[in-house]
Amino acid sequence: MSDRSGVSIAVLDDYQNVALTMADWSVLKERAAITVFNDHLPDTDAIIARLTPYDIVCVMRERTPMTRAVIERLPKLRLIASTGAQNASIDVEAAAERGVMVMHTGYDSSPTIELTWALILASVRKLVIEAESLRSGGWQRDVGGNLAGRTLGVLGLGHIGSAVARISKAFGMEPLAWSERLTADRAAAVGATLVTKEELFRRSDVVTIHLVLSNRTRGLVGARELGLMKPTALLVNTSRGAIVVERDMISALEHGTIASAAIDVFDQEPLPRVHPFRQLANVLATPHIGYVSRDLYARFYQDTVDNIRRWLDNQEGR
């Protein structure tokens, strides 16, 4: 795109190469030069080398972290345009100290709620195993399970967890819930029963995590919690990888402490090419696609364009 103002924009981590098709970027055509990067750089020095020429950096939430070490070494940086209502991987204090504005977009949790249930259903009914068997010329290979009459344990009853708990009733499940500050009335409002953390892990056939990553929740699920689970149980995580102690989950899956896991989030993203989660037969792993839907991408990128346009208007009006 052409550049009349001298403003340069970097759009990072566009894995599917769709950013420019998801919104009307033409409103910026005469005002800025836009460069899209489809790959991910994990190395801080490489990130800095790439971003040094840019005034505006567009980040997809929690892909490339905008840390203090990065922000302080980008002399031209004036705006970080992030997707999502918040982005914990941006050091907003460092940005403020450097006079860098941080702008966010709207968000919709429906895609993550839907993916949670897709992972649960696919795991319980062995859909990947059966589909791969059929594709390779086979027929029925395994025996799936039922959700009706089973118990769902929901860690965290925020917007996503509450919706997941309500939906479980449609499958005839009994939802239990726990989080540190959850009340019985709040749980009952979505049809769930408040229990202790230990009881949730002991009783549940499916445990699904919907907590915000913080100092309180980091490593919340470890060997002790996994050891309380039924050997037939499924653990689902569409929240944040670091809430579960990765080495403890791998051990539990390898030794049959739990039957299976369905995981969309990881300690390191993208997931290393050689990793147990890529090989374990009792793991259904997806590449952090909870929020990756056409409708939400369109909202993310159009809001990003609108944010940049407003920022440019403000700069030009000074």
C-alpha atoms as a PDB file:
ATOM      1  CA  MET A   1       0.000   0.000   0.000  1.00  0.00           C
ATOM      2  CA  SER A   2       1.154   3.535  -0.676  1.00  0.00           C
ATOM      3  CA  ASP A   3       2.486   5.837   2.020  1.00  0.00           C
ATOM      4  CA  ARG A   4       1.947   9.590   1.954  1.00  0.00           C
ATOM      5  CA  SER A   5       2.321  10.347   5.660  1.00  0.00           C
ATOM      6  CA  GLY A   6       5.467   8.360   6.313  1.00  0.00           C
ATOM      7  CA  VAL A   7       3.647   6.243   8.901  1.00  0.00           C
ATOM      8  CA  SER A   8       4.531   2.544   8.765  1.00  0.00           C
ATOM      9  CA  ILE A   9       2.396  -0.268  10.136  1.00  0.00           C
ATOM     10  CA  ALA A  10       3.442  -3.850  10.946  1.00  0.00           C
ATOM     11  CA  VAL A  11       0.754  -6.523  11.271  1.00  0.00           C
ATOM     12  CA  LEU A  12       2.240  -9.450  13.168  1.00  0.00           C
ATOM     13  CA  ASP A  13       1.585 -13.184  13.342  1.00  0.00           C
ATOM     14  CA  ASP A  14      -1.020 -13.390  10.588  1.00  0.00           C
ATOM     15  CA  TYR A  15      -0.642 -17.169  10.505  1.00  0.00           C
ATOM     16  CA  GLN A  16      -3.405 -17.771   7.957  1.00  0.00           C
ATOM     17  CA  ASN A  17      -2.504 -14.758   5.766  1.00  0.00           C
ATOM     18  CA  VAL A  18      -6.014 -13.326   6.098  1.00  0.00           C
ATOM     19  CA  ALA A  19      -5.596 -10.004   7.938  1.00  0.00           C
ATOM     20  CA  LEU A  20      -5.966  -7.811   4.862  1.00  0.00           C
ATOM     21  CA  THR A  21      -9.066  -9.719   3.690  1.00  0.00           C
ATOM     22  CA  MET A  22     -10.902  -9.503   7.014  1.00  0.00           C
ATOM     23  CA  ALA A  23     -11.368  -5.728   7.104  1.00  0.00           C
ATOM     24  CA  ASP A  24     -11.445  -2.643   4.907  1.00  0.00           C
ATOM     25  CA  TRP A  25      -7.853  -1.438   5.125  1.00  0.00           C
ATOM     26  CA  SER A  26      -8.379   0.875   2.143  1.00  0.00           C
ATOM     27  CA  VAL A  27      -9.181   3.767   4.496  1.00  0.00           C
ATOM     28  CA  LEU A  28      -5.508   3.684   5.499  1.00  0.00           C
ATOM     29  CA  LYS A  29      -4.177   3.281   1.954  1.00  0.00           C
ATOM     30  CA  GLU A  30      -3.208   6.908   1.413  1.00  0.00           C
ATOM     31  CA  ARG A  31      -2.044   7.452   4.983  1.00  0.00           C
ATOM     32  CA  ALA A  32       0.291   4.600   5.845  1.00  0.00           C
ATOM     33  CA  ALA A  33       2.396   1.756   4.496  1.00  0.00           C
ATOM     34  CA  ILE A  34       1.283  -1.648   5.767  1.00  0.00           C
ATOM     35  CA  THR A  35       3.454  -4.748   6.021  1.00  0.00           C
ATOM     36  CA  VAL A  36       2.026  -8.106   7.081  1.00  0.00           C
ATOM     37  CA  PHE A  37       4.143 -10.840   8.652  1.00  0.00           C
ATOM     38  CA  ASN A  38       2.805 -14.391   8.564  1.00  0.00           C
ATOM     39  CA  ASP A  39       5.549 -16.027  10.613  1.00  0.00           C
ATOM     40  CA  HIS A  40       6.212 -15.888  14.351  1.00  0.00           C
ATOM     41  CA  LEU A  41       9.529 -14.765  15.836  1.00  0.00           C
ATOM     42  CA  PRO A  42      10.198 -16.085  19.346  1.00  0.00           C
ATOM     43  CA  ASP A  43      13.561 -14.339  19.807  1.00  0.00           C
ATOM     44  CA  THR A  44      13.538 -10.846  21.354  1.00  0.00           C
ATOM     45  CA  ASP A  45      16.456  -9.537  19.282  1.00  0.00           C
ATOM     46  CA  ALA A  46      14.836 -10.803  16.078  1.00  0.00           C
ATOM     47  CA  ILE A  47      11.544  -9.125  17.013  1.00  0.00           C
ATOM     48  CA  ILE A  48      13.303  -5.835  17.648  1.00  0.00           C
ATOM     49  CA  ALA A  49      15.228  -6.038  14.380  1.00  0.00           C
ATOM     50  CA  ARG A  50      11.992  -6.630  12.486  1.00  0.00           C
ATOM     51  CA  LEU A  51       9.957  -3.906  14.203  1.00  0.00           C
ATOM     52  CA  THR A  52      12.539  -1.117  14.397  1.00  0.00           C
ATOM     53  CA  PRO A  53      11.250   0.668  11.230  1.00  0.00           C
ATOM     54  CA  TYR A  54       7.602   0.749  12.326  1.00  0.00           C
ATOM     55  CA  ASP A  55       5.496   3.442  14.006  1.00  0.00           C
ATOM     56  CA  ILE A  56       2.490   1.183  14.594  1.00  0.00           C
ATOM     57  CA  VAL A  57       2.551  -2.487  15.549  1.00  0.00           C
ATOM     58  CA  CYS A  58      -0.622  -4.585  15.292  1.00  0.00           C
ATOM     59  CA  VAL A  59      -0.517  -7.623  17.559  1.00  0.00           C
ATOM     60  CA  MET A  60      -2.874 -10.561  17.772  1.00  0.00           C
ATOM     61  CA  ARG A  61      -3.500 -11.103  21.472  1.00  0.00           C
ATOM     62  CA  GLU A  62      -0.760 -13.073  23.174  1.00  0.00           C
ATOM     63  CA  ARG A  63       1.145 -14.140  20.094  1.00  0.00           C
ATOM     64  CA  THR A  64       4.133 -11.766  20.023  1.00  0.00           C
ATOM     65  CA  PRO A  65       4.623 -10.274  23.523  1.00  0.00           C
ATOM     66  CA  MET A  66       5.266  -6.547  23.622  1.00  0.00           C
ATOM     67  CA  THR A  67       7.516  -6.605  26.658  1.00  0.00           C
ATOM     68  CA  ARG A  68       9.514  -3.784  28.216  1.00  0.00           C
ATOM     69  CA  ALA A  69      12.647  -5.222  26.607  1.00  0.00           C
ATOM     70  CA  VAL A  70      10.994  -4.877  23.190  1.00  0.00           C
ATOM     71  CA  ILE A  71       9.202  -1.553  23.671  1.00  0.00           C
ATOM     72  CA  GLU A  72      12.249   0.265  25.027  1.00  0.00           C
ATOM     73  CA  ARG A  73      14.296  -0.669  21.959  1.00  0.00           C
ATOM     74  CA  LEU A  74      11.819   0.500  19.326  1.00  0.00           C
ATOM     75  CA  PRO A  75      12.541   4.232  18.904  1.00  0.00           C
ATOM     76  CA  LYS A  76       9.841   4.839  16.243  1.00  0.00           C
ATOM     77  CA  LEU A  77       7.035   2.983  18.019  1.00  0.00           C
ATOM     78  CA  ARG A  78       4.037   5.219  18.766  1.00  0.00           C
ATOM     79  CA  LEU A  79       1.025   2.889  18.799  1.00  0.00           C
ATOM     80  CA  ILE A  80       0.387  -0.749  19.727  1.00  0.00           C
ATOM     81  CA  ALA A  81      -2.926  -1.888  18.241  1.00  0.00           C
ATOM     82  CA  SER A  82      -3.952  -5.112  19.954  1.00  0.00           C
ATOM     83  CA  THR A  83      -6.875  -7.419  19.324  1.00  0.00           C
ATOM     84  CA  GLY A  84      -9.089  -8.306  22.253  1.00  0.00           C
ATOM     85  CA  ALA A  85     -10.391  -6.196  25.117  1.00  0.00           C
ATOM     86  CA  GLN A  86      -7.148  -6.773  27.007  1.00  0.00           C
ATOM     87  CA  ASN A  87      -3.754  -8.307  26.316  1.00  0.00           C
ATOM     88  CA  ALA A  88      -1.674  -9.495  29.250  1.00  0.00           C
ATOM     89  CA  SER A  89       1.417  -9.829  27.045  1.00  0.00           C
ATOM     90  CA  ILE A  90       1.709  -6.056  26.553  1.00  0.00           C
ATOM     91  CA  ASP A  91       3.701  -4.158  29.178  1.00  0.00           C
ATOM     92  CA  VAL A  92       1.352  -1.169  29.341  1.00  0.00           C
ATOM     93  CA  GLU A  93       3.485   0.559  31.971  1.00  0.00           C
ATOM     94  CA  ALA A  94       6.548   0.463  29.736  1.00  0.00           C
ATOM     95  CA  ALA A  95       4.443   1.699  26.819  1.00  0.00           C
ATOM     96  CA  ALA A  96       3.102   4.612  28.853  1.00  0.00           C
ATOM     97  CA  GLU A  97       6.599   5.584  29.971  1.00  0.00           C
ATOM     98  CA  ARG A  98       7.664   5.794  26.326  1.00  0.00           C
ATOM     99  CA  GLY A  99       4.553   7.693  25.256  1.00  0.00           C
ATOM    100  CA  VAL A 100       3.291   4.705  23.252  1.00  0.00           C
ATOM    101  CA  MET A 101      -0.488   4.430  23.071  1.00  0.00           C
ATOM    102  CA  VAL A 102      -2.121   0.996  23.438  1.00  0.00           C
ATOM    103  CA  MET A 103      -5.518   0.452  21.811  1.00  0.00           C
ATOM    104  CA  HIS A 104      -7.783  -2.607  21.998  1.00  0.00           C
ATOM    105  CA  THR A 105     -10.688  -4.067  20.044  1.00  0.00           C
ATOM    106  CA  GLY A 106     -14.020  -5.642  20.810  1.00  0.00           C
ATOM    107  CA  TYR A 107     -14.285  -9.317  21.680  1.00  0.00           C
ATOM    108  CA  ASP A 108     -16.787 -12.165  21.587  1.00  0.00           C
ATOM    109  CA  SER A 109     -16.304 -15.294  23.685  1.00  0.00           C
ATOM    110  CA  SER A 110     -18.727 -17.438  21.642  1.00  0.00           C
ATOM    111  CA  PRO A 111     -15.970 -19.084  19.538  1.00  0.00           C
ATOM    112  CA  THR A 112     -14.119 -20.278  22.646  1.00  0.00           C
ATOM    113  CA  ILE A 113     -17.306 -21.576  24.246  1.00  0.00           C
ATOM    114  CA  GLU A 114     -18.135 -23.477  21.063  1.00  0.00           C
ATOM    115  CA  LEU A 115     -14.621 -24.886  20.717  1.00  0.00           C
ATOM    116  CA  THR A 116     -14.722 -26.110  24.324  1.00  0.00           C
ATOM    117  CA  TRP A 117     -17.727 -28.234  23.515  1.00  0.00           C
ATOM    118  CA  ALA A 118     -16.255 -29.336  20.188  1.00  0.00           C
ATOM    119  CA  LEU A 119     -13.206 -30.645  22.059  1.00  0.00           C
ATOM    120  CA  ILE A 120     -15.304 -32.364  24.710  1.00  0.00           C
ATOM    121  CA  LEU A 121     -17.564 -34.074  22.168  1.00  0.00           C
ATOM    122  CA  ALA A 122     -14.697 -35.030  19.858  1.00  0.00           C
ATOM    123  CA  SER A 123     -12.744 -36.532  22.753  1.00  0.00           C
ATOM    124  CA  VAL A 124     -15.611 -38.445  24.333  1.00  0.00           C
ATOM    125  CA  ARG A 125     -16.823 -39.872  21.017  1.00  0.00           C
ATOM    126  CA  LYS A 126     -13.271 -40.543  19.694  1.00  0.00           C
ATOM    127  CA  LEU A 127     -14.025 -38.580  16.534  1.00  0.00           C
ATOM    128  CA  VAL A 128     -10.433 -38.044  15.409  1.00  0.00           C
ATOM    129  CA  ILE A 129      -9.568 -41.738  15.803  1.00  0.00           C
ATOM    130  CA  GLU A 130     -12.683 -42.829  13.922  1.00  0.00           C
ATOM    131  CA  ALA A 131     -12.276 -40.244  11.146  1.00  0.00           C
ATOM    132  CA  GLU A 132      -8.630 -41.193  10.616  1.00  0.00           C
ATOM    133  CA  SER A 133      -9.579 -44.877  10.563  1.00  0.00           C
ATOM    134  CA  LEU A 134     -12.262 -44.260   7.947  1.00  0.00           C
ATOM    135  CA  ARG A 135      -9.923 -42.122   5.821  1.00  0.00           C
ATOM    136  CA  SER A 136      -7.294 -44.871   5.850  1.00  0.00           C
ATOM    137  CA  GLY A 137      -9.785 -47.534   4.736  1.00  0.00           C
ATOM    138  CA  GLY A 138     -10.842 -48.831   8.121  1.00  0.00           C
ATOM    139  CA  TRP A 139     -14.160 -48.929   9.897  1.00  0.00           C
ATOM    140  CA  GLN A 140     -15.248 -48.772  13.536  1.00  0.00           C
ATOM    141  CA  ARG A 141     -12.139 -48.824  15.686  1.00  0.00           C
ATOM    142  CA  ASP A 142     -13.045 -47.738  19.220  1.00  0.00           C
ATOM    143  CA  VAL A 143     -16.015 -47.302  21.544  1.00  0.00           C
ATOM    144  CA  GLY A 144     -16.934 -43.777  22.570  1.00  0.00           C
ATOM    145  CA  GLY A 145     -18.567 -42.599  25.762  1.00  0.00           C
ATOM    146  CA  ASN A 146     -21.692 -40.694  26.794  1.00  0.00           C
ATOM    147  CA  LEU A 147     -22.123 -37.270  28.355  1.00  0.00           C
ATOM    148  CA  ALA A 148     -25.649 -37.838  29.655  1.00  0.00           C
ATOM    149  CA  GLY A 149     -25.564 -38.681  33.342  1.00  0.00           C
ATOM    150  CA  ARG A 150     -21.931 -37.611  33.718  1.00  0.00           C
ATOM    151  CA  THR A 151     -20.477 -34.818  35.837  1.00  0.00           C
ATOM    152  CA  LEU A 152     -18.816 -31.704  34.435  1.00  0.00           C
ATOM    153  CA  GLY A 153     -16.375 -29.796  36.621  1.00  0.00           C
ATOM    154  CA  VAL A 154     -15.941 -26.132  35.643  1.00  0.00           C
ATOM    155  CA  LEU A 155     -12.926 -24.271  37.013  1.00  0.00           C
ATOM    156  CA  GLY A 156     -13.956 -20.630  36.795  1.00  0.00           C
ATOM    157  CA  LEU A 157     -17.482 -19.313  36.275  1.00  0.00           C
ATOM    158  CA  GLY A 158     -16.800 -16.151  34.358  1.00  0.00           C
ATOM    159  CA  HIS A 159     -18.556 -15.429  31.079  1.00  0.00           C
ATOM    160  CA  ILE A 160     -17.106 -18.471  29.296  1.00  0.00           C
ATOM    161  CA  GLY A 161     -17.308 -20.888  32.213  1.00  0.00           C
ATOM    162  CA  SER A 162     -20.894 -19.890  32.954  1.00  0.00           C
ATOM    163  CA  ALA A 163     -21.952 -20.543  29.361  1.00  0.00           C
ATOM    164  CA  VAL A 164     -20.149 -23.901  29.326  1.00  0.00           C
ATOM    165  CA  ALA A 165     -21.921 -24.881  32.566  1.00  0.00           C
ATOM    166  CA  ARG A 166     -25.344 -23.891  31.214  1.00  0.00           C
ATOM    167  CA  ILE A 167     -24.809 -25.822  27.980  1.00  0.00           C
ATOM    168  CA  SER A 168     -23.864 -28.966  29.911  1.00  0.00           C
ATOM    169  CA  LYS A 169     -27.445 -29.242  31.144  1.00  0.00           C
ATOM    170  CA  ALA A 170     -28.602 -29.729  27.548  1.00  0.00           C
ATOM    171  CA  PHE A 171     -26.457 -32.878  27.425  1.00  0.00           C
ATOM    172  CA  GLY A 172     -27.927 -34.158  30.679  1.00  0.00           C
ATOM    173  CA  MET A 173     -24.770 -33.487  32.678  1.00  0.00           C
ATOM    174  CA  GLU A 174     -24.446 -32.321  36.283  1.00  0.00           C
ATOM    175  CA  PRO A 175     -22.242 -29.198  36.421  1.00  0.00           C
ATOM    176  CA  LEU A 176     -20.017 -28.577  39.436  1.00  0.00           C
ATOM    177  CA  ALA A 177     -18.034 -25.389  39.800  1.00  0.00           C
ATOM    178  CA  TRP A 178     -15.162 -23.926  41.767  1.00  0.00           C
ATOM    179  CA  SER A 179     -13.014 -20.832  41.818  1.00  0.00           C
ATOM    180  CA  GLU A 180     -11.395 -19.005  44.676  1.00  0.00           C
ATOM    181  CA  ARG A 181     -14.081 -16.343  45.126  1.00  0.00           C
ATOM    182  CA  LEU A 182     -17.087 -18.164  43.701  1.00  0.00           C
ATOM    183  CA  THR A 183     -20.274 -18.138  45.804  1.00  0.00           C
ATOM    184  CA  ALA A 184     -23.009 -20.749  45.961  1.00  0.00           C
ATOM    185  CA  ASP A 185     -25.570 -18.225  44.691  1.00  0.00           C
ATOM    186  CA  ARG A 186     -23.427 -17.326  41.684  1.00  0.00           C
ATOM    187  CA  ALA A 187     -22.983 -21.007  40.828  1.00  0.00           C
ATOM    188  CA  ALA A 188     -26.679 -21.715  41.248  1.00  0.00           C
ATOM    189  CA  ALA A 189     -27.530 -18.835  38.902  1.00  0.00           C
ATOM    190  CA  VAL A 190     -26.088 -20.855  35.988  1.00  0.00           C
ATOM    191  CA  GLY A 191     -27.381 -24.198  37.231  1.00  0.00           C
ATOM    192  CA  ALA A 192     -24.118 -25.366  38.813  1.00  0.00           C
ATOM    193  CA  THR A 193     -23.256 -26.557  42.305  1.00  0.00           C
ATOM    194  CA  LEU A 194     -20.396 -24.943  44.213  1.00  0.00           C
ATOM    195  CA  VAL A 195     -17.965 -27.526  45.594  1.00  0.00           C
ATOM    196  CA  THR A 196     -14.427 -27.488  46.914  1.00  0.00           C
ATOM    197  CA  LYS A 197     -11.599 -27.741  44.409  1.00  0.00           C
ATOM    198  CA  GLU A 198     -10.751 -31.217  45.682  1.00  0.00           C
ATOM    199  CA  GLU A 199     -14.338 -32.435  45.344  1.00  0.00           C
ATOM    200  CA  LEU A 200     -14.569 -31.056  41.811  1.00  0.00           C
ATOM    201  CA  PHE A 201     -11.523 -33.033  40.689  1.00  0.00           C
ATOM    202  CA  ARG A 202     -12.664 -36.218  42.472  1.00  0.00           C
ATOM    203  CA  ARG A 203     -16.235 -36.231  41.191  1.00  0.00           C
ATOM    204  CA  SER A 204     -15.963 -34.906  37.656  1.00  0.00           C
ATOM    205  CA  ASP A 205     -15.890 -37.027  34.510  1.00  0.00           C
ATOM    206  CA  VAL A 206     -14.833 -33.952  32.527  1.00  0.00           C
ATOM    207  CA  VAL A 207     -12.879 -31.040  34.037  1.00  0.00           C
ATOM    208  CA  THR A 208     -12.772 -27.876  31.939  1.00  0.00           C
ATOM    209  CA  ILE A 209     -10.668 -24.806  32.758  1.00  0.00           C
ATOM    210  CA  HIS A 210     -11.974 -21.256  32.303  1.00  0.00           C
ATOM    211  CA  LEU A 211      -9.810 -19.093  34.556  1.00  0.00           C
ATOM    212  CA  VAL A 212      -7.786 -15.974  33.821  1.00  0.00           C
ATOM    213  CA  LEU A 213      -4.044 -16.556  34.090  1.00  0.00           C
ATOM    214  CA  SER A 214      -2.653 -14.705  37.114  1.00  0.00           C
ATOM    215  CA  ASN A 215      -0.211 -15.257  39.944  1.00  0.00           C
ATOM    216  CA  ARG A 216      -3.025 -17.047  41.799  1.00  0.00           C
ATOM    217  CA  THR A 217      -3.925 -19.407  38.959  1.00  0.00           C
ATOM    218  CA  ARG A 218      -0.498 -20.128  37.466  1.00  0.00           C
ATOM    219  CA  GLY A 219       0.248 -23.800  38.163  1.00  0.00           C
ATOM    220  CA  LEU A 220      -3.131 -24.219  39.885  1.00  0.00           C
ATOM    221  CA  VAL A 221      -3.616 -27.694  38.395  1.00  0.00           C
ATOM    222  CA  GLY A 222      -0.687 -29.970  39.150  1.00  0.00           C
ATOM    223  CA  ALA A 223       0.129 -33.517  40.185  1.00  0.00           C
ATOM    224  CA  ARG A 224      -2.047 -33.334  43.300  1.00  0.00           C
ATOM    225  CA  GLU A 225      -5.184 -32.221  41.444  1.00  0.00           C
ATOM    226  CA  LEU A 226      -4.598 -34.621  38.551  1.00  0.00           C
ATOM    227  CA  GLY A 227      -4.104 -37.433  41.056  1.00  0.00           C
ATOM    228  CA  LEU A 228      -7.572 -36.782  42.468  1.00  0.00           C
ATOM    229  CA  MET A 229      -9.235 -37.273  39.077  1.00  0.00           C
ATOM    230  CA  LYS A 230     -10.908 -40.475  37.933  1.00  0.00           C
ATOM    231  CA  PRO A 231      -8.705 -42.637  35.689  1.00  0.00           C
ATOM    232  CA  THR A 232     -11.523 -42.382  33.126  1.00  0.00           C
ATOM    233  CA  ALA A 233     -11.669 -38.575  33.247  1.00  0.00           C
ATOM    234  CA  LEU A 234     -11.005 -35.975  30.545  1.00  0.00           C
ATOM    235  CA  LEU A 235      -9.167 -32.692  31.216  1.00  0.00           C
ATOM    236  CA  VAL A 236      -9.974 -29.770  28.875  1.00  0.00           C
ATOM    237  CA  ASN A 237      -8.028 -26.506  28.705  1.00  0.00           C
ATOM    238  CA  THR A 238      -9.071 -23.676  26.378  1.00  0.00           C
ATOM    239  CA  SER A 239      -7.956 -20.971  28.814  1.00  0.00           C
ATOM    240  CA  ARG A 240      -4.182 -20.620  29.284  1.00  0.00           C
ATOM    241  CA  GLY A 241      -1.526 -23.321  29.218  1.00  0.00           C
ATOM    242  CA  ALA A 242       0.330 -22.186  32.330  1.00  0.00           C
ATOM    243  CA  ILE A 243      -2.695 -22.802  34.581  1.00  0.00           C
ATOM    244  CA  VAL A 244      -1.798 -26.502  34.334  1.00  0.00           C
ATOM    245  CA  VAL A 245       1.694 -27.714  35.239  1.00  0.00           C
ATOM    246  CA  GLU A 246       2.697 -29.127  31.860  1.00  0.00           C
ATOM    247  CA  ARG A 247       5.140 -31.786  33.071  1.00  0.00           C
ATOM    248  CA  ASP A 248       2.545 -33.081  35.569  1.00  0.00           C
ATOM    249  CA  MET A 249      -0.134 -33.335  32.882  1.00  0.00           C
ATOM    250  CA  ILE A 250       2.223 -35.184  30.539  1.00  0.00           C
ATOM    251  CA  SER A 251       3.086 -37.622  33.328  1.00  0.00           C
ATOM    252  CA  ALA A 252      -0.599 -38.148  34.179  1.00  0.00           C
ATOM    253  CA  LEU A 253      -1.392 -38.899  30.534  1.00  0.00           C
ATOM    254  CA  GLU A 254       1.593 -41.198  30.062  1.00  0.00           C
ATOM    255  CA  HIS A 255       0.841 -43.201  33.220  1.00  0.00           C
ATOM    256  CA  GLY A 256      -2.946 -43.369  32.853  1.00  0.00           C
ATOM    257  CA  THR A 257      -3.685 -41.225  35.890  1.00  0.00           C
ATOM    258  CA  ILE A 258      -6.326 -39.621  33.691  1.00  0.00           C
ATOM    259  CA  ALA A 259      -7.743 -41.059  30.489  1.00  0.00           C
ATOM    260  CA  SER A 260      -7.259 -38.130  28.129  1.00  0.00           C
ATOM    261  CA  ALA A 261      -6.850 -34.405  27.597  1.00  0.00           C
ATOM    262  CA  ALA A 262      -8.122 -31.895  25.074  1.00  0.00           C
ATOM    263  CA  ILE A 263      -5.825 -28.873  24.885  1.00  0.00           C
ATOM    264  CA  ASP A 264      -5.964 -25.657  22.867  1.00  0.00           C
ATOM    265  CA  VAL A 265      -3.386 -23.642  24.839  1.00  0.00           C
ATOM    266  CA  PHE A 266       0.242 -24.309  25.737  1.00  0.00           C
ATOM    267  CA  ASP A 267       3.128 -22.995  27.807  1.00  0.00           C
ATOM    268  CA  GLN A 268       5.042 -22.198  24.629  1.00  0.00           C
ATOM    269  CA  GLU A 269       3.226 -21.106  21.483  1.00  0.00           C
ATOM    270  CA  PRO A 270       3.560 -22.074  18.735  1.00  0.00           C
ATOM    271  CA  LEU A 271       4.061 -25.529  20.212  1.00  0.00           C
ATOM    272  CA  PRO A 272       7.573 -26.904  19.532  1.00  0.00           C
ATOM    273  CA  ARG A 273       7.713 -29.343  16.639  1.00  0.00           C
ATOM    274  CA  VAL A 274       8.925 -32.093  18.945  1.00  0.00           C
ATOM    275  CA  HIS A 275       6.630 -32.216  21.952  1.00  0.00           C
ATOM    276  CA  PRO A 276       4.688 -34.976  23.782  1.00  0.00           C
ATOM    277  CA  PHE A 277       1.380 -33.253  23.059  1.00  0.00           C
ATOM    278  CA  ARG A 278       2.024 -33.882  19.358  1.00  0.00           C
ATOM    279  CA  GLN A 279       2.577 -37.608  19.926  1.00  0.00           C
ATOM    280  CA  LEU A 280       0.451 -38.804  22.850  1.00  0.00           C
ATOM    281  CA  ALA A 281      -2.451 -40.911  21.580  1.00  0.00           C
ATOM    282  CA  ASN A 282      -4.724 -39.773  24.414  1.00  0.00           C
ATOM    283  CA  VAL A 283      -4.328 -36.066  23.642  1.00  0.00           C
ATOM    284  CA  LEU A 284      -6.516 -34.039  21.290  1.00  0.00           C
ATOM    285  CA  ALA A 285      -4.506 -30.865  20.697  1.00  0.00           C
ATOM    286  CA  THR A 286      -5.476 -27.842  18.625  1.00  0.00           C
ATOM    287  CA  PRO A 287      -3.236 -24.804  17.854  1.00  0.00           C
ATOM    288  CA  HIS A 288      -4.878 -22.132  20.066  1.00  0.00           C
ATOM    289  CA  ILE A 289      -7.904 -21.672  17.832  1.00  0.00           C
ATOM    290  CA  GLY A 290     -10.413 -20.858  20.564  1.00  0.00           C
ATOM    291  CA  TYR A 291     -10.811 -17.322  19.220  1.00  0.00           C
ATOM    292  CA  VAL A 292      -9.950 -18.117  15.603  1.00  0.00           C
ATOM    293  CA  SER A 293     -13.263 -17.735  13.795  1.00  0.00           C
ATOM    294  CA  ARG A 294     -14.149 -15.720  10.723  1.00  0.00           C
ATOM    295  CA  ASP A 295     -16.629 -13.471  12.536  1.00  0.00           C
ATOM    296  CA  LEU A 296     -14.274 -12.679  15.405  1.00  0.00           C
ATOM    297  CA  TYR A 297     -11.299 -12.109  13.103  1.00  0.00           C
ATOM    298  CA  ALA A 298     -13.424  -9.670  11.110  1.00  0.00           C
ATOM    299  CA  ARG A 299     -14.257  -7.808  14.302  1.00  0.00           C
ATOM    300  CA  PHE A 300     -10.631  -7.843  15.474  1.00  0.00           C
ATOM    301  CA  TYR A 301      -9.195  -6.493  12.252  1.00  0.00           C
ATOM    302  CA  GLN A 302     -11.936  -3.981  11.470  1.00  0.00           C
ATOM    303  CA  ASP A 303     -11.694  -2.572  14.992  1.00  0.00           C
ATOM    304  CA  THR A 304      -7.917  -2.417  14.532  1.00  0.00           C
ATOM    305  CA  VAL A 305      -8.317  -0.425  11.308  1.00  0.00           C
ATOM    306  CA  ASP A 306     -10.799   1.909  13.005  1.00  0.00           C
ATOM    307  CA  ASN A 307      -8.449   2.388  15.971  1.00  0.00           C
ATOM    308  CA  ILE A 308      -5.528   3.265  13.692  1.00  0.00           C
ATOM    309  CA  ARG A 309      -7.676   5.658  11.675  1.00  0.00           C
ATOM    310  CA  ARG A 310      -8.779   7.465  14.838  1.00  0.00           C
ATOM    311  CA  TRP A 311      -5.203   7.623  16.086  1.00  0.00           C
ATOM    312  CA  LEU A 312      -4.016   9.074  12.773  1.00  0.00           C
ATOM    313  CA  ASP A 313      -6.824  11.628  12.842  1.00  0.00           C
ATOM    314  CA  ASN A 314      -5.742  12.696  16.293  1.00  0.00           C
ATOM    315  CA  GLN A 315      -2.085  12.951  15.272  1.00  0.00           C
ATOM    316  CA  GLU A 316      -2.897  15.005  12.199  1.00  0.00           C
ATOM    317  CA  GLY A 317      -5.170  17.300  14.194  1.00  0.00           C
ATOM    318  CA  ARG A 318      -2.436  18.340  16.583  1.00  0.00           C
END
